[in-house]
Amino acid sequence: MTTEKKNAKAAGAATPKKEHVPTLIYIGPTIPQISLLKHRIYRNGLSVECEKLISVIPGAKQLFVTTADFADAEKRLSDKTSVEAVMYSRVFAAMKEIN
């Protein structure tokens, strides 16, 4: 192995790997006060608006689902006893408090 290859290999090992941030989709109600739209996609983590919603209603984090879970989560919204449906109702009821 040449010196260049050894240095390149060592440099590659020294660089930290980026943490994988999953793509999330918001399945809650649209909240115009904070410009949060239903079915909005977040590729690089949640926005400040999302964090604001979660700070007011911690359980609202359940309304941010991975793309792999999106279809199932949408189905669970129609089940009034599911976590997603309960959180959707809570967020909808609290929309006036969110500024």
PDB file of N, CA and C in Angstrom:
ATOM      1  N   MET A   1       0.849  -1.171   0.000  1.00  0.00           N
ATOM      2  CA  MET A   1       0.000   0.000   0.000  1.00  0.00           C
ATOM      3  C   MET A   1       0.895   1.235   0.000  1.00  0.00           C
ATOM      4  N   THR A   2       0.556   2.176  -0.860  1.00  0.00           N
ATOM      5  CA  THR A   2       1.375   3.379  -0.952  1.00  0.00           C
ATOM      6  C   THR A   2       1.070   4.320   0.203  1.00  0.00           C
ATOM      7  N   THR A   3       1.948   5.280   0.401  1.00  0.00           N
ATOM      8  CA  THR A   3       1.764   6.267   1.468  1.00  0.00           C
ATOM      9  C   THR A   3       0.492   7.072   1.251  1.00  0.00           C
ATOM     10  N   GLU A   4       0.175   7.397  -0.006  1.00  0.00           N
ATOM     11  CA  GLU A   4      -1.024   8.166  -0.303  1.00  0.00           C
ATOM     12  C   GLU A   4      -2.275   7.390   0.095  1.00  0.00           C
ATOM     13  N   LYS A   5      -2.312   6.102  -0.212  1.00  0.00           N
ATOM     14  CA  LYS A   5      -3.462   5.286   0.133  1.00  0.00           C
ATOM     15  C   LYS A   5      -3.599   5.155   1.642  1.00  0.00           C
ATOM     16  N   LYS A   6      -2.481   5.007   2.338  1.00  0.00           N
ATOM     17  CA  LYS A   6      -2.513   4.906   3.801  1.00  0.00           C
ATOM     18  C   LYS A   6      -3.046   6.197   4.401  1.00  0.00           C
ATOM     19  N   ASN A   7      -2.573   7.332   3.887  1.00  0.00           N
ATOM     20  CA  ASN A   7      -3.037   8.620   4.404  1.00  0.00           C
ATOM     21  C   ASN A   7      -4.517   8.830   4.119  1.00  0.00           C
ATOM     22  N   ALA A   8      -4.966   8.445   2.936  1.00  0.00           N
ATOM     23  CA  ALA A   8      -6.370   8.588   2.578  1.00  0.00           C
ATOM     24  C   ALA A   8      -7.236   7.690   3.463  1.00  0.00           C
ATOM     25  N   LYS A   9      -6.770   6.483   3.705  1.00  0.00           N
ATOM     26  CA  LYS A   9      -7.509   5.556   4.551  1.00  0.00           C
ATOM     27  C   LYS A   9      -7.574   6.077   5.985  1.00  0.00           C
ATOM     28  N   ALA A  10      -6.461   6.585   6.495  1.00  0.00           N
ATOM     29  CA  ALA A  10      -6.419   7.136   7.845  1.00  0.00           C
ATOM     30  C   ALA A  10      -7.313   8.365   7.957  1.00  0.00           C
ATOM     31  N   ALA A  11      -7.311   9.214   6.931  1.00  0.00           N
ATOM     32  CA  ALA A  11      -8.156  10.408   6.945  1.00  0.00           C
ATOM     33  C   ALA A  11      -9.629  10.018   6.931  1.00  0.00           C
ATOM     34  N   GLY A  12      -9.971   8.988   6.167  1.00  0.00           N
ATOM     35  CA  GLY A  12     -11.351   8.517   6.111  1.00  0.00           C
ATOM     36  C   GLY A  12     -11.807   7.956   7.436  1.00  0.00           C
ATOM     37  N   ALA A  13     -10.929   7.306   8.138  1.00  0.00           N
ATOM     38  CA  ALA A  13     -11.274   6.731   9.432  1.00  0.00           C
ATOM     39  C   ALA A  13     -11.419   7.808  10.492  1.00  0.00           C
ATOM     40  N   ALA A  14     -10.694   8.920  10.320  1.00  0.00           N
ATOM     41  CA  ALA A  14     -10.713   9.977  11.321  1.00  0.00           C
ATOM     42  C   ALA A  14     -11.931  10.876  11.188  1.00  0.00           C
ATOM     43  N   THR A  15     -12.534  10.948  10.003  1.00  0.00           N
ATOM     44  CA  THR A  15     -13.683  11.823   9.834  1.00  0.00           C
ATOM     45  C   THR A  15     -14.909  11.175  10.454  1.00  0.00           C
ATOM     46  N   PRO A  16     -15.620  11.925  11.286  1.00  0.00           N
ATOM     47  CA  PRO A  16     -16.800  11.352  11.932  1.00  0.00           C
ATOM     48  C   PRO A  16     -17.931  11.155  10.923  1.00  0.00           C
ATOM     49  N   LYS A  17     -18.674  10.093  11.103  1.00  0.00           N
ATOM     50  CA  LYS A  17     -19.804   9.829  10.218  1.00  0.00           C
ATOM     51  C   LYS A  17     -20.964  10.719  10.635  1.00  0.00           C
ATOM     52  N   LYS A  18     -21.691  11.205   9.634  1.00  0.00           N
ATOM     53  CA  LYS A  18     -22.871  12.006   9.917  1.00  0.00           C
ATOM     54  C   LYS A  18     -23.958  11.091  10.447  1.00  0.00           C
ATOM     55  N   GLU A  19     -24.655  11.587  11.454  1.00  0.00           N
ATOM     56  CA  GLU A  19     -25.764  10.816  12.009  1.00  0.00           C
ATOM     57  C   GLU A  19     -26.905  10.830  10.996  1.00  0.00           C
ATOM     58  N   HIS A  20     -27.486   9.671  10.752  1.00  0.00           N
ATOM     59  CA  HIS A  20     -28.582   9.566   9.793  1.00  0.00           C
ATOM     60  C   HIS A  20     -29.839  10.187  10.401  1.00  0.00           C
ATOM     61  N   VAL A  21     -30.359  11.205   9.737  1.00  0.00           N
ATOM     62  CA  VAL A  21     -31.597  11.851  10.165  1.00  0.00           C
ATOM     63  C   VAL A  21     -32.692  11.360   9.233  1.00  0.00           C
ATOM     64  N   PRO A  22     -33.678  10.650   9.766  1.00  0.00           N
ATOM     65  CA  PRO A  22     -34.720  10.120   8.880  1.00  0.00           C
ATOM     66  C   PRO A  22     -35.604  11.233   8.320  1.00  0.00           C
ATOM     67  N   THR A  23     -36.138  11.015   7.145  1.00  0.00           N
ATOM     68  CA  THR A  23     -37.090  11.946   6.553  1.00  0.00           C
ATOM     69  C   THR A  23     -38.424  11.758   7.263  1.00  0.00           C
ATOM     70  N   LEU A  24     -39.000  12.867   7.731  1.00  0.00           N
ATOM     71  CA  LEU A  24     -40.256  12.817   8.469  1.00  0.00           C
ATOM     72  C   LEU A  24     -41.346  13.570   7.722  1.00  0.00           C
ATOM     73  N   ILE A  25     -42.587  13.139   7.928  1.00  0.00           N
ATOM     74  CA  ILE A  25     -43.752  13.800   7.347  1.00  0.00           C
ATOM     75  C   ILE A  25     -44.692  14.164   8.495  1.00  0.00           C
ATOM     76  N   TYR A  26     -45.178  15.396   8.485  1.00  0.00           N
ATOM     77  CA  TYR A  26     -46.120  15.860   9.506  1.00  0.00           C
ATOM     78  C   TYR A  26     -47.526  15.455   9.091  1.00  0.00           C
ATOM     79  N   ILE A  27     -48.235  14.713   9.946  1.00  0.00           N
ATOM     80  CA  ILE A  27     -49.580  14.247   9.613  1.00  0.00           C
ATOM     81  C   ILE A  27     -50.658  14.932  10.449  1.00  0.00           C
ATOM     82  N   GLY A  28     -50.281  15.974  11.173  1.00  0.00           N
ATOM     83  CA  GLY A  28     -51.243  16.705  11.990  1.00  0.00           C
ATOM     84  C   GLY A  28     -51.964  17.769  11.182  1.00  0.00           C
ATOM     85  N   PRO A  29     -52.818  18.548  11.863  1.00  0.00           N
ATOM     86  CA  PRO A  29     -53.556  19.602  11.167  1.00  0.00           C
ATOM     87  C   PRO A  29     -52.639  20.756  10.767  1.00  0.00           C
ATOM     88  N   THR A  30     -53.010  21.461   9.718  1.00  0.00           N
ATOM     89  CA  THR A  30     -52.279  22.657   9.314  1.00  0.00           C
ATOM     90  C   THR A  30     -52.462  23.723  10.391  1.00  0.00           C
ATOM     91  N   ILE A  31     -51.347  24.363  10.775  1.00  0.00           N
ATOM     92  CA  ILE A  31     -51.394  25.417  11.788  1.00  0.00           C
ATOM     93  C   ILE A  31     -50.843  26.684  11.141  1.00  0.00           C
ATOM     94  N   PRO A  32     -51.729  27.552  10.650  1.00  0.00           N
ATOM     95  CA  PRO A  32     -51.272  28.732   9.922  1.00  0.00           C
ATOM     96  C   PRO A  32     -50.425  29.696  10.762  1.00  0.00           C
ATOM     97  N   GLN A  33     -50.674  29.754  12.074  1.00  0.00           N
ATOM     98  CA  GLN A  33     -49.937  30.679  12.936  1.00  0.00           C
ATOM     99  C   GLN A  33     -48.435  30.447  12.904  1.00  0.00           C
ATOM    100  N   ILE A  34     -48.029  29.202  12.718  1.00  0.00           N
ATOM    101  CA  ILE A  34     -46.600  28.886  12.704  1.00  0.00           C
ATOM    102  C   ILE A  34     -46.169  28.280  11.366  1.00  0.00           C
ATOM    103  N   SER A  35     -46.998  28.448  10.363  1.00  0.00           N
ATOM    104  CA  SER A  35     -46.707  27.967   8.994  1.00  0.00           C
ATOM    105  C   SER A  35     -46.367  26.483   8.953  1.00  0.00           C
ATOM    106  N   LEU A  36     -47.111  25.695   9.680  1.00  0.00           N
ATOM    107  CA  LEU A  36     -46.908  24.248   9.698  1.00  0.00           C
ATOM    108  C   LEU A  36     -48.018  23.600   8.881  1.00  0.00           C
ATOM    109  N   LEU A  37     -47.643  22.991   7.765  1.00  0.00           N
ATOM    110  CA  LEU A  37     -48.611  22.414   6.844  1.00  0.00           C
ATOM    111  C   LEU A  37     -48.703  20.903   6.987  1.00  0.00           C
ATOM    112  N   LYS A  38     -49.935  20.397   6.884  1.00  0.00           N
ATOM    113  CA  LYS A  38     -50.133  18.956   6.897  1.00  0.00           C
ATOM    114  C   LYS A  38     -49.416  18.346   5.696  1.00  0.00           C
ATOM    115  N   HIS A  39     -48.792  17.208   5.918  1.00  0.00           N
ATOM    116  CA  HIS A  39     -48.049  16.443   4.909  1.00  0.00           C
ATOM    117  C   HIS A  39     -46.758  17.127   4.455  1.00  0.00           C
ATOM    118  N   ARG A  40     -46.274  18.064   5.232  1.00  0.00           N
ATOM    119  CA  ARG A  40     -44.986  18.682   4.902  1.00  0.00           C
ATOM    120  C   ARG A  40     -43.865  17.691   5.212  1.00  0.00           C
ATOM    121  N   ILE A  41     -42.857  17.676   4.375  1.00  0.00           N
ATOM    122  CA  ILE A  41     -41.745  16.730   4.514  1.00  0.00           C
ATOM    123  C   ILE A  41     -40.537  17.451   5.110  1.00  0.00           C
ATOM    124  N   TYR A  42     -39.907  16.815   6.083  1.00  0.00           N
ATOM    125  CA  TYR A  42     -38.707  17.349   6.736  1.00  0.00           C
ATOM    126  C   TYR A  42     -37.568  16.370   6.498  1.00  0.00           C
ATOM    127  N   ARG A  43     -36.577  16.799   5.725  1.00  0.00           N
ATOM    128  CA  ARG A  43     -35.474  15.917   5.354  1.00  0.00           C
ATOM    129  C   ARG A  43     -34.257  16.045   6.271  1.00  0.00           C
ATOM    130  N   ASN A  44     -34.055  17.187   6.878  1.00  0.00           N
ATOM    131  CA  ASN A  44     -32.857  17.418   7.692  1.00  0.00           C
ATOM    132  C   ASN A  44     -33.209  17.768   9.131  1.00  0.00           C
ATOM    133  N   GLY A  45     -34.126  17.050   9.688  1.00  0.00           N
ATOM    134  CA  GLY A  45     -34.551  17.332  11.053  1.00  0.00           C
ATOM    135  C   GLY A  45     -35.750  18.273  11.055  1.00  0.00           C
ATOM    136  N   LEU A  46     -36.267  18.503  12.243  1.00  0.00           N
ATOM    137  CA  LEU A  46     -37.461  19.330  12.378  1.00  0.00           C
ATOM    138  C   LEU A  46     -37.108  20.811  12.397  1.00  0.00           C
ATOM    139  N   SER A  47     -38.038  21.625  11.921  1.00  0.00           N
ATOM    140  CA  SER A  47     -37.836  23.073  11.869  1.00  0.00           C
ATOM    141  C   SER A  47     -38.121  23.694  13.233  1.00  0.00           C
ATOM    142  N   VAL A  48     -37.849  24.971  13.337  1.00  0.00           N
ATOM    143  CA  VAL A  48     -38.115  25.718  14.572  1.00  0.00           C
ATOM    144  C   VAL A  48     -39.610  25.697  14.883  1.00  0.00           C
ATOM    145  N   GLU A  49     -40.436  25.795  13.852  1.00  0.00           N
ATOM    146  CA  GLU A  49     -41.894  25.759  14.042  1.00  0.00           C
ATOM    147  C   GLU A  49     -42.337  24.430  14.658  1.00  0.00           C
ATOM    148  N   CYS A  50     -41.751  23.358  14.175  1.00  0.00           N
ATOM    149  CA  CYS A  50     -42.082  22.027  14.703  1.00  0.00           C
ATOM    150  C   CYS A  50     -41.664  21.916  16.163  1.00  0.00           C
ATOM    151  N   GLU A  51     -40.481  22.397  16.464  1.00  0.00           N
ATOM    152  CA  GLU A  51     -39.995  22.353  17.845  1.00  0.00           C
ATOM    153  C   GLU A  51     -40.887  23.196  18.749  1.00  0.00           C
ATOM    154  N   LYS A  52     -41.401  24.309  18.222  1.00  0.00           N
ATOM    155  CA  LYS A  52     -42.309  25.162  18.990  1.00  0.00           C
ATOM    156  C   LYS A  52     -43.599  24.402  19.316  1.00  0.00           C
ATOM    157  N   LEU A  53     -44.138  23.714  18.326  1.00  0.00           N
ATOM    158  CA  LEU A  53     -45.344  22.910  18.541  1.00  0.00           C
ATOM    159  C   LEU A  53     -45.094  21.848  19.599  1.00  0.00           C
ATOM    160  N   ILE A  54     -43.974  21.153  19.498  1.00  0.00           N
ATOM    161  CA  ILE A  54     -43.649  20.086  20.446  1.00  0.00           C
ATOM    162  C   ILE A  54     -43.426  20.647  21.848  1.00  0.00           C
ATOM    163  N   SER A  55     -42.912  21.879  21.959  1.00  0.00           N
ATOM    164  CA  SER A  55     -42.715  22.475  23.281  1.00  0.00           C
ATOM    165  C   SER A  55     -44.053  22.817  23.942  1.00  0.00           C
ATOM    166  N   VAL A  56     -45.057  23.173  23.133  1.00  0.00           N
ATOM    167  CA  VAL A  56     -46.385  23.483  23.671  1.00  0.00           C
ATOM    168  C   VAL A  56     -47.160  22.206  23.953  1.00  0.00           C
ATOM    169  N   ILE A  57     -47.070  21.243  23.035  1.00  0.00           N
ATOM    170  CA  ILE A  57     -47.775  19.959  23.173  1.00  0.00           C
ATOM    171  C   ILE A  57     -46.756  18.849  22.926  1.00  0.00           C
ATOM    172  N   PRO A  58     -46.107  18.363  23.986  1.00  0.00           N
ATOM    173  CA  PRO A  58     -45.038  17.368  23.801  1.00  0.00           C
ATOM    174  C   PRO A  58     -45.450  16.127  23.003  1.00  0.00           C
ATOM    175  N   GLY A  59     -46.661  15.675  23.153  1.00  0.00           N
ATOM    176  CA  GLY A  59     -47.115  14.486  22.446  1.00  0.00           C
ATOM    177  C   GLY A  59     -47.273  14.683  20.950  1.00  0.00           C
ATOM    178  N   ALA A  60     -47.200  15.929  20.495  1.00  0.00           N
ATOM    179  CA  ALA A  60     -47.345  16.213  19.069  1.00  0.00           C
ATOM    180  C   ALA A  60     -46.216  15.595  18.257  1.00  0.00           C
ATOM    181  N   LYS A  61     -45.163  15.192  18.938  1.00  0.00           N
ATOM    182  CA  LYS A  61     -44.053  14.539  18.235  1.00  0.00           C
ATOM    183  C   LYS A  61     -44.534  13.264  17.539  1.00  0.00           C
ATOM    184  N   GLN A  62     -45.606  12.680  18.023  1.00  0.00           N
ATOM    185  CA  GLN A  62     -46.172  11.475  17.409  1.00  0.00           C
ATOM    186  C   GLN A  62     -46.748  11.751  16.025  1.00  0.00           C
ATOM    187  N   LEU A  63     -46.949  13.028  15.693  1.00  0.00           N
ATOM    188  CA  LEU A  63     -47.509  13.391  14.392  1.00  0.00           C
ATOM    189  C   LEU A  63     -46.441  13.595  13.332  1.00  0.00           C
ATOM    190  N   PHE A  64     -45.188  13.368  13.684  1.00  0.00           N
ATOM    191  CA  PHE A  64     -44.086  13.397  12.728  1.00  0.00           C
ATOM    192  C   PHE A  64     -43.650  11.952  12.521  1.00  0.00           C
ATOM    193  N   VAL A  65     -43.974  11.399  11.368  1.00  0.00           N
ATOM    194  CA  VAL A  65     -43.733   9.982  11.114  1.00  0.00           C
ATOM    195  C   VAL A  65     -42.728   9.810   9.971  1.00  0.00           C
ATOM    196  N   THR A  66     -42.062   8.677   9.974  1.00  0.00           N
ATOM    197  CA  THR A  66     -41.114   8.390   8.896  1.00  0.00           C
ATOM    198  C   THR A  66     -41.880   8.101   7.613  1.00  0.00           C
ATOM    199  N   THR A  67     -41.194   8.240   6.511  1.00  0.00           N
ATOM    200  CA  THR A  67     -41.838   7.969   5.229  1.00  0.00           C
ATOM    201  C   THR A  67     -42.277   6.506   5.135  1.00  0.00           C
ATOM    202  N   ALA A  68     -41.533   5.615   5.763  1.00  0.00           N
ATOM    203  CA  ALA A  68     -41.886   4.194   5.745  1.00  0.00           C
ATOM    204  C   ALA A  68     -43.174   3.929   6.521  1.00  0.00           C
ATOM    205  N   ASP A  69     -43.458   4.734   7.540  1.00  0.00           N
ATOM    206  CA  ASP A  69     -44.630   4.541   8.397  1.00  0.00           C
ATOM    207  C   ASP A  69     -45.803   5.436   7.987  1.00  0.00           C
ATOM    208  N   PHE A  70     -45.616   6.249   6.974  1.00  0.00           N
ATOM    209  CA  PHE A  70     -46.618   7.252   6.601  1.00  0.00           C
ATOM    210  C   PHE A  70     -47.992   6.644   6.311  1.00  0.00           C
ATOM    211  N   ALA A  71     -48.058   5.651   5.450  1.00  0.00           N
ATOM    212  CA  ALA A  71     -49.353   5.066   5.060  1.00  0.00           C
ATOM    213  C   ALA A  71     -50.075   4.467   6.263  1.00  0.00           C
ATOM    214  N   ASP A  72     -49.346   3.740   7.095  1.00  0.00           N
ATOM    215  CA  ASP A  72     -49.969   3.139   8.278  1.00  0.00           C
ATOM    216  C   ASP A  72     -50.422   4.208   9.269  1.00  0.00           C
ATOM    217  N   ALA A  73     -49.623   5.258   9.433  1.00  0.00           N
ATOM    218  CA  ALA A  73     -49.974   6.339  10.353  1.00  0.00           C
ATOM    219  C   ALA A  73     -51.240   7.063   9.880  1.00  0.00           C
ATOM    220  N   GLU A  74     -51.351   7.261   8.577  1.00  0.00           N
ATOM    221  CA  GLU A  74     -52.556   7.891   8.027  1.00  0.00           C
ATOM    222  C   GLU A  74     -53.790   7.036   8.309  1.00  0.00           C
ATOM    223  N   LYS A  75     -53.658   5.723   8.209  1.00  0.00           N
ATOM    224  CA  LYS A  75     -54.778   4.821   8.516  1.00  0.00           C
ATOM    225  C   LYS A  75     -55.141   4.909   9.996  1.00  0.00           C
ATOM    226  N   ARG A  76     -54.107   5.004  10.845  1.00  0.00           N
ATOM    227  CA  ARG A  76     -54.362   5.081  12.288  1.00  0.00           C
ATOM    228  C   ARG A  76     -55.076   6.370  12.678  1.00  0.00           C
ATOM    229  N   LEU A  77     -54.980   7.409  11.878  1.00  0.00           N
ATOM    230  CA  LEU A  77     -55.693   8.659  12.176  1.00  0.00           C
ATOM    231  C   LEU A  77     -57.204   8.464  12.184  1.00  0.00           C
ATOM    232  N   SER A  78     -57.705   7.497  11.419  1.00  0.00           N
ATOM    233  CA  SER A  78     -59.150   7.258  11.383  1.00  0.00           C
ATOM    234  C   SER A  78     -59.639   6.442  12.585  1.00  0.00           C
ATOM    235  N   ASP A  79     -58.727   5.853  13.345  1.00  0.00           N
ATOM    236  CA  ASP A  79     -59.071   5.119  14.561  1.00  0.00           C
ATOM    237  C   ASP A  79     -59.018   6.106  15.735  1.00  0.00           C
ATOM    238  N   LYS A  80     -60.159   6.494  16.247  1.00  0.00           N
ATOM    239  CA  LYS A  80     -60.253   7.532  17.280  1.00  0.00           C
ATOM    240  C   LYS A  80     -59.470   7.201  18.549  1.00  0.00           C
ATOM    241  N   THR A  81     -59.132   5.928  18.755  1.00  0.00           N
ATOM    242  CA  THR A  81     -58.402   5.543  19.973  1.00  0.00           C
ATOM    243  C   THR A  81     -56.890   5.483  19.762  1.00  0.00           C
ATOM    244  N   SER A  82     -56.428   5.701  18.537  1.00  0.00           N
ATOM    245  CA  SER A  82     -54.989   5.623  18.274  1.00  0.00           C
ATOM    246  C   SER A  82     -54.278   6.851  18.833  1.00  0.00           C
ATOM    247  N   VAL A  83     -53.002   6.701  19.092  1.00  0.00           N
ATOM    248  CA  VAL A  83     -52.192   7.808  19.596  1.00  0.00           C
ATOM    249  C   VAL A  83     -52.213   8.967  18.609  1.00  0.00           C
ATOM    250  N   GLU A  84     -52.085   8.653  17.326  1.00  0.00           N
ATOM    251  CA  GLU A  84     -52.055   9.692  16.298  1.00  0.00           C
ATOM    252  C   GLU A  84     -53.364  10.488  16.263  1.00  0.00           C
ATOM    253  N   ALA A  85     -54.507   9.797  16.353  1.00  0.00           N
ATOM    254  CA  ALA A  85     -55.802  10.484  16.315  1.00  0.00           C
ATOM    255  C   ALA A  85     -56.000  11.356  17.552  1.00  0.00           C
ATOM    256  N   VAL A  86     -55.596  10.860  18.701  1.00  0.00           N
ATOM    257  CA  VAL A  86     -55.727  11.634  19.945  1.00  0.00           C
ATOM    258  C   VAL A  86     -54.852  12.885  19.873  1.00  0.00           C
ATOM    259  N   MET A  87     -53.610  12.732  19.412  1.00  0.00           N
ATOM    260  CA  MET A  87     -52.708  13.880  19.317  1.00  0.00           C
ATOM    261  C   MET A  87     -53.196  14.866  18.254  1.00  0.00           C
ATOM    262  N   TYR A  88     -53.737  14.375  17.164  1.00  0.00           N
ATOM    263  CA  TYR A  88     -54.293  15.255  16.130  1.00  0.00           C
ATOM    264  C   TYR A  88     -55.379  16.129  16.753  1.00  0.00           C
ATOM    265  N   SER A  89     -56.272  15.509  17.532  1.00  0.00           N
ATOM    266  CA  SER A  89     -57.358  16.251  18.183  1.00  0.00           C
ATOM    267  C   SER A  89     -56.812  17.283  19.163  1.00  0.00           C
ATOM    268  N   ARG A  90     -55.795  16.899  19.938  1.00  0.00           N
ATOM    269  CA  ARG A  90     -55.215  17.836  20.905  1.00  0.00           C
ATOM    270  C   ARG A  90     -54.557  19.022  20.221  1.00  0.00           C
ATOM    271  N   VAL A  91     -53.841  18.760  19.151  1.00  0.00           N
ATOM    272  CA  VAL A  91     -53.185  19.841  18.418  1.00  0.00           C
ATOM    273  C   VAL A  91     -54.241  20.743  17.790  1.00  0.00           C
ATOM    274  N   PHE A  92     -55.266  20.156  17.215  1.00  0.00           N
ATOM    275  CA  PHE A  92     -56.337  20.941  16.598  1.00  0.00           C
ATOM    276  C   PHE A  92     -57.012  21.834  17.636  1.00  0.00           C
ATOM    277  N   ALA A  93     -57.279  21.290  18.810  1.00  0.00           N
ATOM    278  CA  ALA A  93     -57.937  22.056  19.881  1.00  0.00           C
ATOM    279  C   ALA A  93     -57.034  23.164  20.420  1.00  0.00           C
ATOM    280  N   ALA A  94     -55.724  22.957  20.392  1.00  0.00           N
ATOM    281  CA  ALA A  94     -54.784  23.917  20.961  1.00  0.00           C
ATOM    282  C   ALA A  94     -54.260  24.922  19.942  1.00  0.00           C
ATOM    283  N   MET A  95     -54.750  24.904  18.723  1.00  0.00           N
ATOM    284  CA  MET A  95     -54.201  25.780  17.684  1.00  0.00           C
ATOM    285  C   MET A  95     -54.263  27.263  18.061  1.00  0.00           C
ATOM    286  N   LYS A  96     -55.281  27.664  18.787  1.00  0.00           N
ATOM    287  CA  LYS A  96     -55.416  29.082  19.161  1.00  0.00           C
ATOM    288  C   LYS A  96     -54.327  29.504  20.148  1.00  0.00           C
ATOM    289  N   GLU A  97     -53.822  28.551  20.936  1.00  0.00           N
ATOM    290  CA  GLU A  97     -52.792  28.857  21.934  1.00  0.00           C
ATOM    291  C   GLU A  97     -51.401  28.943  21.321  1.00  0.00           C
ATOM    292  N   ILE A  98     -51.231  28.376  20.144  1.00  0.00           N
ATOM    293  CA  ILE A  98     -49.916  28.322  19.499  1.00  0.00           C
ATOM    294  C   ILE A  98     -49.697  29.595  18.707  1.00  0.00           C
ATOM    295  N   ASN A  99     -48.680  30.333  19.090  1.00  0.00           N
ATOM    296  CA  ASN A  99     -48.363  31.587  18.366  1.00  0.00           C
ATOM    297  C   ASN A  99     -46.927  31.577  17.955  1.00  0.00           C
TER     298      ASN A  99
END
